[in-house]
C-alpha cells in the first residue's frame, strides 16, 4: 500500500506550484496578445479603402495597447507600401480625427 503525503504543507506547496504555472501561462498569453497587431495591416488597408466606417469601428473596439501597437504596425505598412514617412503617433492622431468626424456626423 502506498501512503500519499496529504499534509497541509504538501497540499499548500502543490497548489502554489499549480497557481504559479497557471499565472505564468496567463502572463505568457497576455504578452502574446499584446505583442502582435490585432488586425492584419493589408486587410485593414483594404477595409479602409472599401468601407472606412467599418474599419474605424473595428479600430474603436481595440484596447489602448492593441490600438497603439496596431497604429505603429500600420504606419510601417503604409510607409513601406507608399513611401510615406508616418509615425505611429501620427497614425493614432489621424484615426482619432476620423473617429471623431464619424461620431459627429
C-alpha atoms as a PDB file:
ATOM      1  CA  UNK A   1       0.000   0.000   0.000  1.00  0.00           C
ATOM      2  CA  UNK A   2       1.342   3.415  -0.962  1.00  0.00           C
ATOM      3  CA  UNK A   3       0.978   6.210   1.503  1.00  0.00           C
ATOM      4  CA  UNK A   4       0.433   9.598  -0.058  1.00  0.00           C
ATOM      5  CA  UNK A   5       1.597  12.739   1.582  1.00  0.00           C
ATOM      6  CA  UNK A   6      -1.506  14.723   2.307  1.00  0.00           C
ATOM      7  CA  UNK A   7      -0.287  17.107   4.935  1.00  0.00           C
ATOM      8  CA  UNK A   8      -1.397  20.707   4.759  1.00  0.00           C
ATOM      9  CA  UNK A   9       2.151  21.749   3.893  1.00  0.00           C
ATOM     10  CA  UNK A  10       2.327  19.314   0.974  1.00  0.00           C
ATOM     11  CA  UNK A  11      -1.076  20.348  -0.361  1.00  0.00           C
ATOM     12  CA  UNK A  12      -0.167  24.004   0.015  1.00  0.00           C
ATOM     13  CA  UNK A  13       3.034  23.527  -1.976  1.00  0.00           C
ATOM     14  CA  UNK A  14       1.176  21.567  -4.645  1.00  0.00           C
ATOM     15  CA  UNK A  15      -1.468  24.255  -5.077  1.00  0.00           C
ATOM     16  CA  UNK A  16       1.138  27.019  -5.024  1.00  0.00           C
ATOM     17  CA  UNK A  17       3.005  25.258  -7.835  1.00  0.00           C
ATOM     18  CA  UNK A  18      -0.213  24.894  -9.822  1.00  0.00           C
ATOM     19  CA  UNK A  19      -1.063  28.544  -9.218  1.00  0.00           C
ATOM     20  CA  UNK A  20       2.412  29.599 -10.318  1.00  0.00           C
ATOM     21  CA  UNK A  21       2.150  27.564 -13.528  1.00  0.00           C
ATOM     22  CA  UNK A  22      -1.299  28.955 -14.271  1.00  0.00           C
ATOM     23  CA  UNK A  23      -0.160  32.509 -13.576  1.00  0.00           C
ATOM     24  CA  UNK A  24       2.864  32.047 -15.834  1.00  0.00           C
ATOM     25  CA  UNK A  25       0.642  30.676 -18.614  1.00  0.00           C
ATOM     26  CA  UNK A  26      -1.792  33.582 -18.314  1.00  0.00           C
ATOM     27  CA  UNK A  27       1.027  36.124 -18.349  1.00  0.00           C
ATOM     28  CA  UNK A  28       2.522  34.485 -21.433  1.00  0.00           C
ATOM     29  CA  UNK A  29      -0.801  34.535 -23.279  1.00  0.00           C
ATOM     30  CA  UNK A  30      -1.391  38.157 -22.294  1.00  0.00           C
ATOM     31  CA  UNK A  31       2.055  39.184 -23.548  1.00  0.00           C
ATOM     32  CA  UNK A  32       1.491  37.307 -26.803  1.00  0.00           C
ATOM     33  CA  UNK A  33      -1.821  39.095 -27.300  1.00  0.00           C
ATOM     34  CA  UNK A  34      -0.167  42.468 -26.742  1.00  0.00           C
ATOM     35  CA  UNK A  35       2.885  41.782 -28.877  1.00  0.00           C
ATOM     36  CA  UNK A  36       1.105  41.222 -32.179  1.00  0.00           C
ATOM     37  CA  UNK A  37      -1.211  43.572 -34.053  1.00  0.00           C
ATOM     38  CA  UNK A  38      -4.827  42.532 -33.739  1.00  0.00           C
ATOM     39  CA  UNK A  39      -5.764  43.263 -37.348  1.00  0.00           C
ATOM     40  CA  UNK A  40      -3.784  42.319 -40.434  1.00  0.00           C
ATOM     41  CA  UNK A  41      -2.381  45.529 -41.944  1.00  0.00           C
ATOM     42  CA  UNK A  42      -3.185  44.568 -45.541  1.00  0.00           C
ATOM     43  CA  UNK A  43      -6.766  43.686 -44.599  1.00  0.00           C
ATOM     44  CA  UNK A  44      -7.123  46.910 -42.619  1.00  0.00           C
ATOM     45  CA  UNK A  45      -5.792  48.929 -45.553  1.00  0.00           C
ATOM     46  CA  UNK A  46      -8.287  47.358 -47.944  1.00  0.00           C
ATOM     47  CA  UNK A  47     -11.117  47.811 -45.451  1.00  0.00           C
ATOM     48  CA  UNK A  48     -10.224  51.497 -45.016  1.00  0.00           C
ATOM     49  CA  UNK A  49     -10.433  51.914 -48.784  1.00  0.00           C
ATOM     50  CA  UNK A  50     -13.668  49.941 -49.172  1.00  0.00           C
ATOM     51  CA  UNK A  51     -15.621  50.843 -46.014  1.00  0.00           C
ATOM     52  CA  UNK A  52     -13.923  53.419 -43.818  1.00  0.00           C
ATOM     53  CA  UNK A  53     -16.717  53.386 -41.232  1.00  0.00           C
ATOM     54  CA  UNK A  54     -16.440  49.627 -40.688  1.00  0.00           C
ATOM     55  CA  UNK A  55     -12.646  49.853 -40.385  1.00  0.00           C
ATOM     56  CA  UNK A  56     -12.879  52.654 -37.830  1.00  0.00           C
ATOM     57  CA  UNK A  57     -15.447  50.703 -35.824  1.00  0.00           C
ATOM     58  CA  UNK A  58     -13.033  47.754 -35.698  1.00  0.00           C
ATOM     59  CA  UNK A  59     -10.280  50.074 -34.509  1.00  0.00           C
ATOM     60  CA  UNK A  60     -12.567  51.612 -31.881  1.00  0.00           C
ATOM     61  CA  UNK A  61     -13.121  48.136 -30.382  1.00  0.00           C
ATOM     62  CA  UNK A  62      -9.409  47.650 -29.638  1.00  0.00           C
ATOM     63  CA  UNK A  63      -7.881  48.258 -26.237  1.00  0.00           C
ATOM     64  CA  UNK A  64      -5.388  51.102 -25.933  1.00  0.00           C
ATOM     65  CA  UNK A  65      -2.284  48.849 -26.028  1.00  0.00           C
ATOM     66  CA  UNK A  66      -3.698  46.963 -29.021  1.00  0.00           C
ATOM     67  CA  UNK A  67      -4.589  50.210 -30.801  1.00  0.00           C
ATOM     68  CA  UNK A  68      -1.133  51.660 -30.183  1.00  0.00           C
ATOM     69  CA  UNK A  69       0.603  48.548 -31.496  1.00  0.00           C
ATOM     70  CA  UNK A  70      -1.776  48.453 -34.461  1.00  0.00           C
ATOM     71  CA  UNK A  71      -1.014  52.103 -35.289  1.00  0.00           C
ATOM     72  CA  UNK A  72       2.740  51.552 -35.304  1.00  0.00           C
ATOM     73  CA  UNK A  73       2.441  48.382 -37.386  1.00  0.00           C
ATOM     74  CA  UNK A  74       0.053  50.049 -39.835  1.00  0.00           C
ATOM     75  CA  UNK A  75       2.274  53.145 -40.143  1.00  0.00           C
ATOM     76  CA  UNK A  76       5.172  50.868 -41.056  1.00  0.00           C
ATOM     77  CA  UNK A  77       2.992  49.048 -43.574  1.00  0.00           C
ATOM     78  CA  UNK A  78       1.822  52.286 -45.236  1.00  0.00           C
ATOM     79  CA  UNK A  79       5.347  53.726 -45.226  1.00  0.00           C
ATOM     80  CA  UNK A  80       6.725  50.644 -46.936  1.00  0.00           C
ATOM     81  CA  UNK A  81       3.885  50.347 -49.433  1.00  0.00           C
ATOM     82  CA  UNK A  82       3.534  54.025 -50.373  1.00  0.00           C
ATOM     83  CA  UNK A  83       6.880  55.539 -49.413  1.00  0.00           C
ATOM     84  CA  UNK A  84       5.312  57.722 -46.709  1.00  0.00           C
ATOM     85  CA  UNK A  85       7.011  58.921 -43.539  1.00  0.00           C
ATOM     86  CA  UNK A  86       4.205  58.456 -40.993  1.00  0.00           C
ATOM     87  CA  UNK A  87       4.856  57.630 -37.372  1.00  0.00           C
ATOM     88  CA  UNK A  88       2.618  55.524 -35.173  1.00  0.00           C
ATOM     89  CA  UNK A  89       1.664  58.646 -33.230  1.00  0.00           C
ATOM     90  CA  UNK A  90       0.569  60.422 -36.419  1.00  0.00           C
ATOM     91  CA  UNK A  91      -1.466  57.360 -37.372  1.00  0.00           C
ATOM     92  CA  UNK A  92      -3.181  57.360 -33.967  1.00  0.00           C
ATOM     93  CA  UNK A  93      -3.991  61.064 -34.362  1.00  0.00           C
ATOM     94  CA  UNK A  94      -5.419  60.528 -37.844  1.00  0.00           C
ATOM     95  CA  UNK A  95      -7.567  57.611 -36.668  1.00  0.00           C
ATOM     96  CA  UNK A  96      -8.738  59.698 -33.708  1.00  0.00           C
ATOM     97  CA  UNK A  97      -9.729  62.555 -36.037  1.00  0.00           C
ATOM     98  CA  UNK A  98     -11.559  60.162 -38.363  1.00  0.00           C
ATOM     99  CA  UNK A  99     -13.479  58.545 -35.488  1.00  0.00           C
ATOM    100  CA  UNK A 100     -14.392  61.995 -34.100  1.00  0.00           C
ATOM    101  CA  UNK A 101     -15.716  63.051 -37.519  1.00  0.00           C
ATOM    102  CA  UNK A 102     -17.673  59.813 -37.810  1.00  0.00           C
ATOM    103  CA  UNK A 103     -19.253  60.312 -34.372  1.00  0.00           C
ATOM    104  CA  UNK A 104     -20.028  63.963 -35.135  1.00  0.00           C
ATOM    105  CA  UNK A 105     -21.745  63.160 -38.433  1.00  0.00           C
END
